[in-house]
Amino acid sequence: MKNIGGQAVIEGVMMKSPSAWTVAVRDQKGEIHIRREVLEKLPKLLTLPLLRGVVGLYHALAIGMKAIEFSAGKAYSGEGEKPLSPLALAATIVVAVGAGIGLFLLLPLYLTKLIGLFVGGVSHSSFIFNLTDGIIRVFMFLFYVFAIGLWKDMGRIFEYHGAEHKVIHAYEAGKELKVENIRPFSPHHPRCGTSFLLIVMVISILVFSCIPQSWTLSAKFLSRLVLIPLVSGISYELLRLSAKRRDNALVGLLILPGLLLQKLTTREPDDSQIEVAIRAVSEVLILEGNGDREA
């Protein structure tokens, strides 16, 4: 069985397998549009533990932007829009990553420094400093997710997110990919990117605690940037391990916060949304040579 992951997009779902990805989008007339792409095989070095997490994060960003671009054109126009040039796509990714770094890395670090001016323990202990920084980052992330969830269009994306998880659950359970078989499954999944982000925040507290407390704010910020690949790599391996051992009681307890967090980022989909997710995973399985599982 292939390891399938995905992402909700505008009125659709992107599904990714080890060697391909597809995105299915329903336009305003009800027609489902498909984009398919086969991935180049990675050098064996880049599939090693820790490194594969960094590569996976890059792929998630790049493929995610392509999928969102396609979905925006198809969902709203039915005809599609002119694709972004490689330069424009790269610029979009840079801006998005830059905004994320500013909001979830630089701002919490600065706020923690301000708190340290009034609370001696924060300014003197590297662990307490980074624990405070991590707690602020988590609360900012929770507020951000809650706030965007109030946006009606984002609510639709959260429903497609739930559809994506349900279909992946059904595929992993060996069920025939039909709406009636998929509907009972949970909209939450332990390998979700939301759970990954929560793991990243926890691991970052431990890794960033290695940064000397005596360093300047700019040095701490730059060192955090350098350590992001390491944090991502460790977090990815923990996410894979937790998904494999989720039947273990202790592991189940550890992944519970990530599953609870998905209550903010997933919602129950309707049958038409599940149909789109089925189409996306069926297409990617065809590219993987598993067309017999097509719905």
C-alpha atoms as a PDB file:
ATOM      1  CA  MET A   1       0.000   0.000   0.000  1.00  0.00           C
ATOM      2  CA  LYS A   2       1.367   3.400  -1.020  1.00  0.00           C
ATOM      3  CA  ASN A   3       1.831   6.181   1.524  1.00  0.00           C
ATOM      4  CA  ILE A   4      -0.748   8.786   0.469  1.00  0.00           C
ATOM      5  CA  GLY A   5      -1.002  12.299   1.871  1.00  0.00           C
ATOM      6  CA  GLY A   6      -2.949  15.322   0.811  1.00  0.00           C
ATOM      7  CA  GLN A   7      -4.011  18.915   1.173  1.00  0.00           C
ATOM      8  CA  ALA A   8      -7.295  20.759   0.878  1.00  0.00           C
ATOM      9  CA  VAL A   9      -7.411  23.512  -1.740  1.00  0.00           C
ATOM     10  CA  ILE A  10     -10.095  25.872  -3.034  1.00  0.00           C
ATOM     11  CA  GLU A  11     -13.119  23.678  -3.800  1.00  0.00           C
ATOM     12  CA  GLY A  12     -10.915  20.622  -4.078  1.00  0.00           C
ATOM     13  CA  VAL A  13      -8.291  18.245  -2.769  1.00  0.00           C
ATOM     14  CA  MET A  14      -4.682  17.537  -3.681  1.00  0.00           C
ATOM     15  CA  MET A  15      -3.363  14.012  -3.118  1.00  0.00           C
ATOM     16  CA  LYS A  16       0.315  13.047  -3.185  1.00  0.00           C
ATOM     17  CA  SER A  17       1.919   9.605  -3.412  1.00  0.00           C
ATOM     18  CA  PRO A  18       5.655   8.809  -3.370  1.00  0.00           C
ATOM     19  CA  SER A  19       6.036   9.413  -7.124  1.00  0.00           C
ATOM     20  CA  ALA A  20       3.100  11.587  -8.227  1.00  0.00           C
ATOM     21  CA  TRP A  21       0.487  14.111  -7.209  1.00  0.00           C
ATOM     22  CA  THR A  22      -2.945  15.064  -8.471  1.00  0.00           C
ATOM     23  CA  VAL A  23      -5.492  17.719  -7.618  1.00  0.00           C
ATOM     24  CA  ALA A  24      -9.254  17.500  -8.200  1.00  0.00           C
ATOM     25  CA  VAL A  25     -11.354  20.681  -8.203  1.00  0.00           C
ATOM     26  CA  ARG A  26     -15.086  21.167  -8.691  1.00  0.00           C
ATOM     27  CA  ASP A  27     -16.062  24.295 -10.627  1.00  0.00           C
ATOM     28  CA  GLN A  28     -19.246  26.358 -10.226  1.00  0.00           C
ATOM     29  CA  LYS A  29     -21.029  24.217 -12.814  1.00  0.00           C
ATOM     30  CA  GLY A  30     -20.329  21.043 -10.847  1.00  0.00           C
ATOM     31  CA  GLU A  31     -17.676  19.634 -13.179  1.00  0.00           C
ATOM     32  CA  ILE A  32     -14.531  18.110 -11.636  1.00  0.00           C
ATOM     33  CA  HIS A  33     -11.204  19.195 -13.155  1.00  0.00           C
ATOM     34  CA  ILE A  34      -8.008  17.172 -12.705  1.00  0.00           C
ATOM     35  CA  ARG A  35      -4.337  18.053 -12.806  1.00  0.00           C
ATOM     36  CA  ARG A  36      -1.754  15.247 -12.708  1.00  0.00           C
ATOM     37  CA  GLU A  37       2.007  15.363 -12.362  1.00  0.00           C
ATOM     38  CA  VAL A  38       4.633  12.661 -11.965  1.00  0.00           C
ATOM     39  CA  LEU A  39       7.492  13.485  -9.587  1.00  0.00           C
ATOM     40  CA  GLU A  40      11.140  12.901 -10.352  1.00  0.00           C
ATOM     41  CA  LYS A  41      12.753  10.180  -8.286  1.00  0.00           C
ATOM     42  CA  LEU A  42      14.840  11.587  -5.468  1.00  0.00           C
ATOM     43  CA  PRO A  43      18.482  10.634  -4.948  1.00  0.00           C
ATOM     44  CA  LYS A  44      18.785   8.016  -2.229  1.00  0.00           C
ATOM     45  CA  LEU A  45      20.647  10.479  -0.007  1.00  0.00           C
ATOM     46  CA  LEU A  46      17.584  12.738   0.207  1.00  0.00           C
ATOM     47  CA  THR A  47      15.387   9.866   1.404  1.00  0.00           C
ATOM     48  CA  LEU A  48      17.456   9.240   4.536  1.00  0.00           C
ATOM     49  CA  PRO A  49      15.917   9.966   7.962  1.00  0.00           C
ATOM     50  CA  LEU A  50      15.945  13.668   8.915  1.00  0.00           C
ATOM     51  CA  LEU A  51      16.840  14.738   5.366  1.00  0.00           C
ATOM     52  CA  ARG A  52      13.566  13.354   3.981  1.00  0.00           C
ATOM     53  CA  GLY A  53      11.620  15.579   6.363  1.00  0.00           C
ATOM     54  CA  VAL A  54      13.314  18.706   5.008  1.00  0.00           C
ATOM     55  CA  VAL A  55      12.757  17.587   1.412  1.00  0.00           C
ATOM     56  CA  GLY A  56       9.143  16.744   2.219  1.00  0.00           C
ATOM     57  CA  LEU A  57       8.569  20.222   3.627  1.00  0.00           C
ATOM     58  CA  TYR A  58       9.952  21.812   0.469  1.00  0.00           C
ATOM     59  CA  HIS A  59       7.781  19.578  -1.721  1.00  0.00           C
ATOM     60  CA  ALA A  60       4.716  20.388   0.366  1.00  0.00           C
ATOM     61  CA  LEU A  61       5.256  24.106  -0.159  1.00  0.00           C
ATOM     62  CA  ALA A  62       5.998  23.878  -3.877  1.00  0.00           C
ATOM     63  CA  ILE A  63       3.257  21.395  -4.762  1.00  0.00           C
ATOM     64  CA  GLY A  64       0.801  23.129  -2.460  1.00  0.00           C
ATOM     65  CA  MET A  65       1.264  26.436  -4.260  1.00  0.00           C
ATOM     66  CA  LYS A  66       0.772  24.768  -7.651  1.00  0.00           C
ATOM     67  CA  ALA A  67      -2.370  23.013  -6.428  1.00  0.00           C
ATOM     68  CA  ILE A  68      -3.828  26.225  -4.981  1.00  0.00           C
ATOM     69  CA  GLU A  69      -3.066  28.113  -8.193  1.00  0.00           C
ATOM     70  CA  PHE A  70      -4.859  25.447 -10.252  1.00  0.00           C
ATOM     71  CA  SER A  71      -7.825  25.276  -7.886  1.00  0.00           C
ATOM     72  CA  ALA A  72      -8.312  29.051  -7.831  1.00  0.00           C
ATOM     73  CA  GLY A  73      -8.503  29.177 -11.614  1.00  0.00           C
ATOM     74  CA  LYS A  74     -10.856  26.210 -11.998  1.00  0.00           C
ATOM     75  CA  ALA A  75     -13.128  26.782  -9.004  1.00  0.00           C
ATOM     76  CA  TYR A  76     -14.041  30.354  -9.868  1.00  0.00           C
ATOM     77  CA  SER A  77     -13.834  30.571 -13.656  1.00  0.00           C
ATOM     78  CA  GLY A  78     -14.401  27.021 -14.883  1.00  0.00           C
ATOM     79  CA  GLU A  79     -11.840  27.769 -17.579  1.00  0.00           C
ATOM     80  CA  GLY A  80      -8.666  28.141 -15.570  1.00  0.00           C
ATOM     81  CA  GLU A  81      -6.179  30.984 -15.541  1.00  0.00           C
ATOM     82  CA  LYS A  82      -2.764  31.459 -17.022  1.00  0.00           C
ATOM     83  CA  PRO A  83      -0.311  29.511 -14.842  1.00  0.00           C
ATOM     84  CA  LEU A  84       2.196  31.416 -12.771  1.00  0.00           C
ATOM     85  CA  SER A  85       5.680  31.543 -14.198  1.00  0.00           C
ATOM     86  CA  PRO A  86       8.389  29.687 -12.228  1.00  0.00           C
ATOM     87  CA  LEU A  87       9.714  33.079 -11.064  1.00  0.00           C
ATOM     88  CA  ALA A  88       6.281  34.245  -9.904  1.00  0.00           C
ATOM     89  CA  LEU A  89       5.652  30.946  -8.138  1.00  0.00           C
ATOM     90  CA  ALA A  90       9.016  31.153  -6.382  1.00  0.00           C
ATOM     91  CA  ALA A  91       8.295  34.753  -5.343  1.00  0.00           C
ATOM     92  CA  THR A  92       4.909  33.719  -3.942  1.00  0.00           C
ATOM     93  CA  ILE A  93       6.501  30.944  -1.895  1.00  0.00           C
ATOM     94  CA  VAL A  94       9.201  33.308  -0.598  1.00  0.00           C
ATOM     95  CA  VAL A  95       6.597  35.878   0.494  1.00  0.00           C
ATOM     96  CA  ALA A  96       4.463  33.206   2.197  1.00  0.00           C
ATOM     97  CA  VAL A  97       7.448  31.687   4.004  1.00  0.00           C
ATOM     98  CA  GLY A  98       8.702  35.148   4.972  1.00  0.00           C
ATOM     99  CA  ALA A  99       5.336  36.090   6.474  1.00  0.00           C
ATOM    100  CA  GLY A 100       5.252  32.818   8.408  1.00  0.00           C
ATOM    101  CA  ILE A 101       8.754  33.369   9.761  1.00  0.00           C
ATOM    102  CA  GLY A 102       7.887  36.899  10.833  1.00  0.00           C
ATOM    103  CA  LEU A 103       4.625  35.948  12.535  1.00  0.00           C
ATOM    104  CA  PHE A 104       5.578  32.638  14.160  1.00  0.00           C
ATOM    105  CA  LEU A 105       9.334  33.004  14.715  1.00  0.00           C
ATOM    106  CA  LEU A 106      10.443  36.628  14.978  1.00  0.00           C
ATOM    107  CA  LEU A 107       7.412  38.110  16.760  1.00  0.00           C
ATOM    108  CA  PRO A 108       7.261  35.460  19.548  1.00  0.00           C
ATOM    109  CA  LEU A 109      11.018  35.845  20.039  1.00  0.00           C
ATOM    110  CA  TYR A 110      10.687  39.618  20.416  1.00  0.00           C
ATOM    111  CA  LEU A 111       7.714  39.333  22.797  1.00  0.00           C
ATOM    112  CA  THR A 112       9.644  36.840  24.908  1.00  0.00           C
ATOM    113  CA  LYS A 113      12.539  39.281  25.144  1.00  0.00           C
ATOM    114  CA  LEU A 114      10.138  41.972  26.365  1.00  0.00           C
ATOM    115  CA  ILE A 115       8.742  39.601  29.001  1.00  0.00           C
ATOM    116  CA  GLY A 116      12.317  38.878  30.087  1.00  0.00           C
ATOM    117  CA  LEU A 117      12.729  42.555  30.994  1.00  0.00           C
ATOM    118  CA  PHE A 118      10.136  42.117  33.740  1.00  0.00           C
ATOM    119  CA  VAL A 119      10.534  38.412  34.645  1.00  0.00           C
ATOM    120  CA  GLY A 120      14.067  37.520  35.675  1.00  0.00           C
ATOM    121  CA  GLY A 121      13.710  33.773  35.138  1.00  0.00           C
ATOM    122  CA  VAL A 122      12.911  34.265  31.458  1.00  0.00           C
ATOM    123  CA  SER A 123      15.985  36.383  30.820  1.00  0.00           C
ATOM    124  CA  HIS A 124      18.407  34.143  32.735  1.00  0.00           C
ATOM    125  CA  SER A 125      17.356  30.603  31.808  1.00  0.00           C
ATOM    126  CA  SER A 126      17.686  29.403  28.215  1.00  0.00           C
ATOM    127  CA  PHE A 127      15.056  26.693  28.739  1.00  0.00           C
ATOM    128  CA  ILE A 128      12.506  29.015  30.371  1.00  0.00           C
ATOM    129  CA  PHE A 129      13.161  31.612  27.655  1.00  0.00           C
ATOM    130  CA  ASN A 130      12.471  29.090  24.902  1.00  0.00           C
ATOM    131  CA  LEU A 131       9.537  27.561  26.782  1.00  0.00           C
ATOM    132  CA  THR A 132       7.945  31.015  27.001  1.00  0.00           C
ATOM    133  CA  ASP A 133       8.757  31.646  23.347  1.00  0.00           C
ATOM    134  CA  GLY A 134       7.174  28.297  22.420  1.00  0.00           C
ATOM    135  CA  ILE A 135       4.009  28.910  24.444  1.00  0.00           C
ATOM    136  CA  ILE A 136       3.552  32.308  22.792  1.00  0.00           C
ATOM    137  CA  ARG A 137       4.071  30.685  19.373  1.00  0.00           C
ATOM    138  CA  VAL A 138       1.460  28.013  20.100  1.00  0.00           C
ATOM    139  CA  PHE A 139      -1.126  30.556  21.256  1.00  0.00           C
ATOM    140  CA  MET A 140      -0.474  32.736  18.213  1.00  0.00           C
ATOM    141  CA  PHE A 141      -0.908  29.721  15.965  1.00  0.00           C
ATOM    142  CA  LEU A 142      -4.161  28.718  17.685  1.00  0.00           C
ATOM    143  CA  PHE A 143      -5.532  32.246  17.391  1.00  0.00           C
ATOM    144  CA  TYR A 144      -4.501  32.407  13.734  1.00  0.00           C
ATOM    145  CA  VAL A 145      -6.235  29.108  12.910  1.00  0.00           C
ATOM    146  CA  PHE A 146      -9.359  30.120  14.853  1.00  0.00           C
ATOM    147  CA  ALA A 147      -9.492  33.518  13.157  1.00  0.00           C
ATOM    148  CA  ILE A 148      -9.164  32.224   9.590  1.00  0.00           C
ATOM    149  CA  GLY A 149     -11.770  29.575  10.393  1.00  0.00           C
ATOM    150  CA  LEU A 150     -14.325  32.382  10.777  1.00  0.00           C
ATOM    151  CA  TRP A 151     -13.863  33.197   7.098  1.00  0.00           C
ATOM    152  CA  LYS A 152     -16.607  31.481   5.097  1.00  0.00           C
ATOM    153  CA  ASP A 153     -14.347  30.439   2.197  1.00  0.00           C
ATOM    154  CA  MET A 154     -11.812  28.973   4.628  1.00  0.00           C
ATOM    155  CA  GLY A 155     -14.625  27.017   6.248  1.00  0.00           C
ATOM    156  CA  ARG A 156     -15.216  25.355   2.864  1.00  0.00           C
ATOM    157  CA  ILE A 157     -11.508  24.474   2.658  1.00  0.00           C
ATOM    158  CA  PHE A 158     -11.690  22.960   6.157  1.00  0.00           C
ATOM    159  CA  GLU A 159     -14.564  20.761   4.930  1.00  0.00           C
ATOM    160  CA  TYR A 160     -12.437  19.550   2.020  1.00  0.00           C
ATOM    161  CA  HIS A 161      -9.668  18.951   4.574  1.00  0.00           C
ATOM    162  CA  GLY A 162     -12.038  16.625   6.399  1.00  0.00           C
ATOM    163  CA  ALA A 163     -12.913  14.883   3.116  1.00  0.00           C
ATOM    164  CA  GLU A 164      -9.223  14.352   2.386  1.00  0.00           C
ATOM    165  CA  HIS A 165      -8.688  12.671   5.766  1.00  0.00           C
ATOM    166  CA  LYS A 166     -11.756  10.463   5.458  1.00  0.00           C
ATOM    167  CA  VAL A 167     -10.686   9.160   2.051  1.00  0.00           C
ATOM    168  CA  ILE A 168      -7.134   8.459   3.236  1.00  0.00           C
ATOM    169  CA  HIS A 169      -8.523   6.605   6.270  1.00  0.00           C
ATOM    170  CA  ALA A 170     -10.694   4.478   3.981  1.00  0.00           C
ATOM    171  CA  TYR A 171      -7.804   3.755   1.615  1.00  0.00           C
ATOM    172  CA  GLU A 172      -5.549   2.718   4.504  1.00  0.00           C
ATOM    173  CA  ALA A 173      -8.317   0.482   5.828  1.00  0.00           C
ATOM    174  CA  GLY A 174      -8.567  -1.263   2.452  1.00  0.00           C
ATOM    175  CA  LYS A 175     -12.123  -0.097   1.799  1.00  0.00           C
ATOM    176  CA  GLU A 176     -13.577   0.344  -1.665  1.00  0.00           C
ATOM    177  CA  LEU A 177     -13.482   4.045  -2.428  1.00  0.00           C
ATOM    178  CA  LYS A 178     -17.185   4.822  -2.431  1.00  0.00           C
ATOM    179  CA  VAL A 179     -18.945   7.644  -0.592  1.00  0.00           C
ATOM    180  CA  GLU A 180     -21.011   5.314   1.596  1.00  0.00           C
ATOM    181  CA  ASN A 181     -17.853   3.472   2.707  1.00  0.00           C
ATOM    182  CA  ILE A 182     -15.948   6.678   3.424  1.00  0.00           C
ATOM    183  CA  ARG A 183     -18.598   8.707   5.215  1.00  0.00           C
ATOM    184  CA  PRO A 184     -18.245   6.949   8.650  1.00  0.00           C
ATOM    185  CA  PHE A 185     -14.491   7.605   8.946  1.00  0.00           C
ATOM    186  CA  SER A 186     -13.051  10.373  11.111  1.00  0.00           C
ATOM    187  CA  PRO A 187     -12.136  13.730   9.539  1.00  0.00           C
ATOM    188  CA  HIS A 188      -9.000  13.718  11.734  1.00  0.00           C
ATOM    189  CA  HIS A 189      -5.769  11.914  10.835  1.00  0.00           C
ATOM    190  CA  PRO A 190      -2.505  11.505  12.817  1.00  0.00           C
ATOM    191  CA  ARG A 191      -0.332  12.322   9.767  1.00  0.00           C
ATOM    192  CA  CYS A 192      -2.052  15.661   9.201  1.00  0.00           C
ATOM    193  CA  GLY A 193       0.055  18.755   8.595  1.00  0.00           C
ATOM    194  CA  THR A 194      -1.716  20.416  11.522  1.00  0.00           C
ATOM    195  CA  SER A 195      -0.344  17.752  13.868  1.00  0.00           C
ATOM    196  CA  PHE A 196       3.059  18.172  12.212  1.00  0.00           C
ATOM    197  CA  LEU A 197       3.069  21.899  13.001  1.00  0.00           C
ATOM    198  CA  LEU A 198       2.243  21.208  16.636  1.00  0.00           C
ATOM    199  CA  ILE A 199       5.114  18.708  16.856  1.00  0.00           C
ATOM    200  CA  VAL A 200       7.401  21.308  15.255  1.00  0.00           C
ATOM    201  CA  MET A 201       6.510  23.813  17.976  1.00  0.00           C
ATOM    202  CA  VAL A 202       7.274  21.337  20.753  1.00  0.00           C
ATOM    203  CA  ILE A 203      10.551  20.130  19.218  1.00  0.00           C
ATOM    204  CA  SER A 204      11.631  23.717  18.561  1.00  0.00           C
ATOM    205  CA  ILE A 205      11.487  24.445  22.298  1.00  0.00           C
ATOM    206  CA  LEU A 206      13.991  21.655  22.968  1.00  0.00           C
ATOM    207  CA  VAL A 207      16.286  22.399  20.007  1.00  0.00           C
ATOM    208  CA  PHE A 208      16.280  26.179  20.469  1.00  0.00           C
ATOM    209  CA  SER A 209      17.196  25.703  24.139  1.00  0.00           C
ATOM    210  CA  CYS A 210      20.679  24.802  22.907  1.00  0.00           C
ATOM    211  CA  ILE A 211      21.141  28.410  21.754  1.00  0.00           C
ATOM    212  CA  PRO A 212      23.196  30.327  24.364  1.00  0.00           C
ATOM    213  CA  GLN A 213      21.083  32.753  26.375  1.00  0.00           C
ATOM    214  CA  SER A 214      23.863  35.352  26.196  1.00  0.00           C
ATOM    215  CA  TRP A 215      23.488  35.774  22.407  1.00  0.00           C
ATOM    216  CA  THR A 216      21.854  38.898  21.001  1.00  0.00           C
ATOM    217  CA  LEU A 217      18.270  38.861  19.720  1.00  0.00           C
ATOM    218  CA  SER A 218      19.431  38.962  16.088  1.00  0.00           C
ATOM    219  CA  ALA A 219      21.853  36.059  16.689  1.00  0.00           C
ATOM    220  CA  LYS A 220      19.085  34.026  18.335  1.00  0.00           C
ATOM    221  CA  PHE A 221      16.760  34.728  15.401  1.00  0.00           C
ATOM    222  CA  LEU A 222      19.348  33.797  12.762  1.00  0.00           C
ATOM    223  CA  SER A 223      20.310  30.639  14.653  1.00  0.00           C
ATOM    224  CA  ARG A 224      16.629  29.657  14.741  1.00  0.00           C
ATOM    225  CA  LEU A 225      16.471  30.008  10.964  1.00  0.00           C
ATOM    226  CA  VAL A 226      19.522  27.769  10.595  1.00  0.00           C
ATOM    227  CA  LEU A 227      17.992  25.162  12.909  1.00  0.00           C
ATOM    228  CA  ILE A 228      14.603  25.033  11.134  1.00  0.00           C
ATOM    229  CA  PRO A 229      15.690  22.125   8.857  1.00  0.00           C
ATOM    230  CA  LEU A 230      16.814  20.116  11.896  1.00  0.00           C
ATOM    231  CA  VAL A 231      13.542  20.818  13.719  1.00  0.00           C
ATOM    232  CA  SER A 232      11.551  19.871  10.603  1.00  0.00           C
ATOM    233  CA  GLY A 233      13.526  16.665  10.110  1.00  0.00           C
ATOM    234  CA  ILE A 234      13.069  15.500  13.712  1.00  0.00           C
ATOM    235  CA  SER A 235       9.377  16.434  13.691  1.00  0.00           C
ATOM    236  CA  TYR A 236       8.768  14.536  10.450  1.00  0.00           C
ATOM    237  CA  GLU A 237      10.322  11.367  11.858  1.00  0.00           C
ATOM    238  CA  LEU A 238       8.232  11.628  15.021  1.00  0.00           C
ATOM    239  CA  LEU A 239       5.088  12.131  12.938  1.00  0.00           C
ATOM    240  CA  ARG A 240       5.851   9.005  10.868  1.00  0.00           C
ATOM    241  CA  LEU A 241       6.559   6.994  14.006  1.00  0.00           C
ATOM    242  CA  SER A 242       3.372   8.131  15.731  1.00  0.00           C
ATOM    243  CA  ALA A 243       1.291   7.248  12.655  1.00  0.00           C
ATOM    244  CA  LYS A 244       2.736   3.723  12.597  1.00  0.00           C
ATOM    245  CA  ARG A 245       2.296   3.155  16.349  1.00  0.00           C
ATOM    246  CA  ARG A 246      -1.005   4.982  16.841  1.00  0.00           C
ATOM    247  CA  ASP A 247      -2.624   1.830  18.299  1.00  0.00           C
ATOM    248  CA  ASN A 248      -0.184   2.018  21.227  1.00  0.00           C
ATOM    249  CA  ALA A 249      -1.846   3.621  24.264  1.00  0.00           C
ATOM    250  CA  LEU A 250       1.121   5.898  25.067  1.00  0.00           C
ATOM    251  CA  VAL A 251       1.515   7.020  21.459  1.00  0.00           C
ATOM    252  CA  GLY A 252      -2.228   7.604  21.273  1.00  0.00           C
ATOM    253  CA  LEU A 253      -1.953   9.920  24.266  1.00  0.00           C
ATOM    254  CA  LEU A 254       0.956  11.807  22.695  1.00  0.00           C
ATOM    255  CA  ILE A 255      -0.822  12.386  19.373  1.00  0.00           C
ATOM    256  CA  LEU A 256      -4.085  13.402  21.056  1.00  0.00           C
ATOM    257  CA  PRO A 257      -3.242  17.156  21.151  1.00  0.00           C
ATOM    258  CA  GLY A 258      -2.643  17.136  17.379  1.00  0.00           C
ATOM    259  CA  LEU A 259      -5.935  15.356  16.756  1.00  0.00           C
ATOM    260  CA  LEU A 260      -7.754  17.817  19.023  1.00  0.00           C
ATOM    261  CA  LEU A 261      -6.147  20.714  17.166  1.00  0.00           C
ATOM    262  CA  GLN A 262      -7.591  19.323  13.935  1.00  0.00           C
ATOM    263  CA  LYS A 263     -11.040  20.152  15.298  1.00  0.00           C
ATOM    264  CA  LEU A 264     -10.136  23.715  14.297  1.00  0.00           C
ATOM    265  CA  THR A 265      -8.805  22.855  10.833  1.00  0.00           C
ATOM    266  CA  THR A 266     -11.228  20.133   9.688  1.00  0.00           C
ATOM    267  CA  ARG A 267     -14.995  19.975   9.392  1.00  0.00           C
ATOM    268  CA  GLU A 268     -17.456  17.313   8.325  1.00  0.00           C
ATOM    269  CA  PRO A 269     -17.672  17.310   4.507  1.00  0.00           C
ATOM    270  CA  ASP A 270     -20.749  16.681   2.398  1.00  0.00           C
ATOM    271  CA  ASP A 271     -20.967  13.855  -0.136  1.00  0.00           C
ATOM    272  CA  SER A 272     -19.983  16.064  -3.083  1.00  0.00           C
ATOM    273  CA  GLN A 273     -16.760  17.027  -1.310  1.00  0.00           C
ATOM    274  CA  ILE A 274     -16.000  13.399  -0.536  1.00  0.00           C
ATOM    275  CA  GLU A 275     -16.511  12.627  -4.241  1.00  0.00           C
ATOM    276  CA  VAL A 276     -13.844  15.192  -5.156  1.00  0.00           C
ATOM    277  CA  ALA A 277     -11.406  13.673  -2.645  1.00  0.00           C
ATOM    278  CA  ILE A 278     -12.126  10.190  -4.033  1.00  0.00           C
ATOM    279  CA  ARG A 279     -11.359  11.415  -7.534  1.00  0.00           C
ATOM    280  CA  ALA A 280      -8.065  12.960  -6.400  1.00  0.00           C
ATOM    281  CA  VAL A 281      -6.811   9.817  -4.642  1.00  0.00           C
ATOM    282  CA  SER A 282      -8.050   7.558  -7.457  1.00  0.00           C
ATOM    283  CA  GLU A 283      -6.087   9.560 -10.015  1.00  0.00           C
ATOM    284  CA  VAL A 284      -2.883   9.471  -7.981  1.00  0.00           C
ATOM    285  CA  LEU A 285      -3.258   5.702  -7.489  1.00  0.00           C
ATOM    286  CA  ILE A 286      -3.574   5.297 -11.250  1.00  0.00           C
ATOM    287  CA  LEU A 287      -0.275   7.139 -11.676  1.00  0.00           C
ATOM    288  CA  GLU A 288       1.226   4.818  -9.058  1.00  0.00           C
ATOM    289  CA  GLY A 289       0.020   1.791 -11.004  1.00  0.00           C
ATOM    290  CA  ASN A 290      -2.839   0.943  -8.658  1.00  0.00           C
ATOM    291  CA  GLY A 291      -5.685   1.745 -10.992  1.00  0.00           C
ATOM    292  CA  ASP A 292      -7.627  -1.257  -9.763  1.00  0.00           C
ATOM    293  CA  ARG A 293      -8.494   0.715  -6.632  1.00  0.00           C
ATOM    294  CA  GLU A 294     -10.161   3.470  -8.631  1.00  0.00           C
ATOM    295  CA  ALA A 295     -13.690   4.401  -7.519  1.00  0.00           C
END
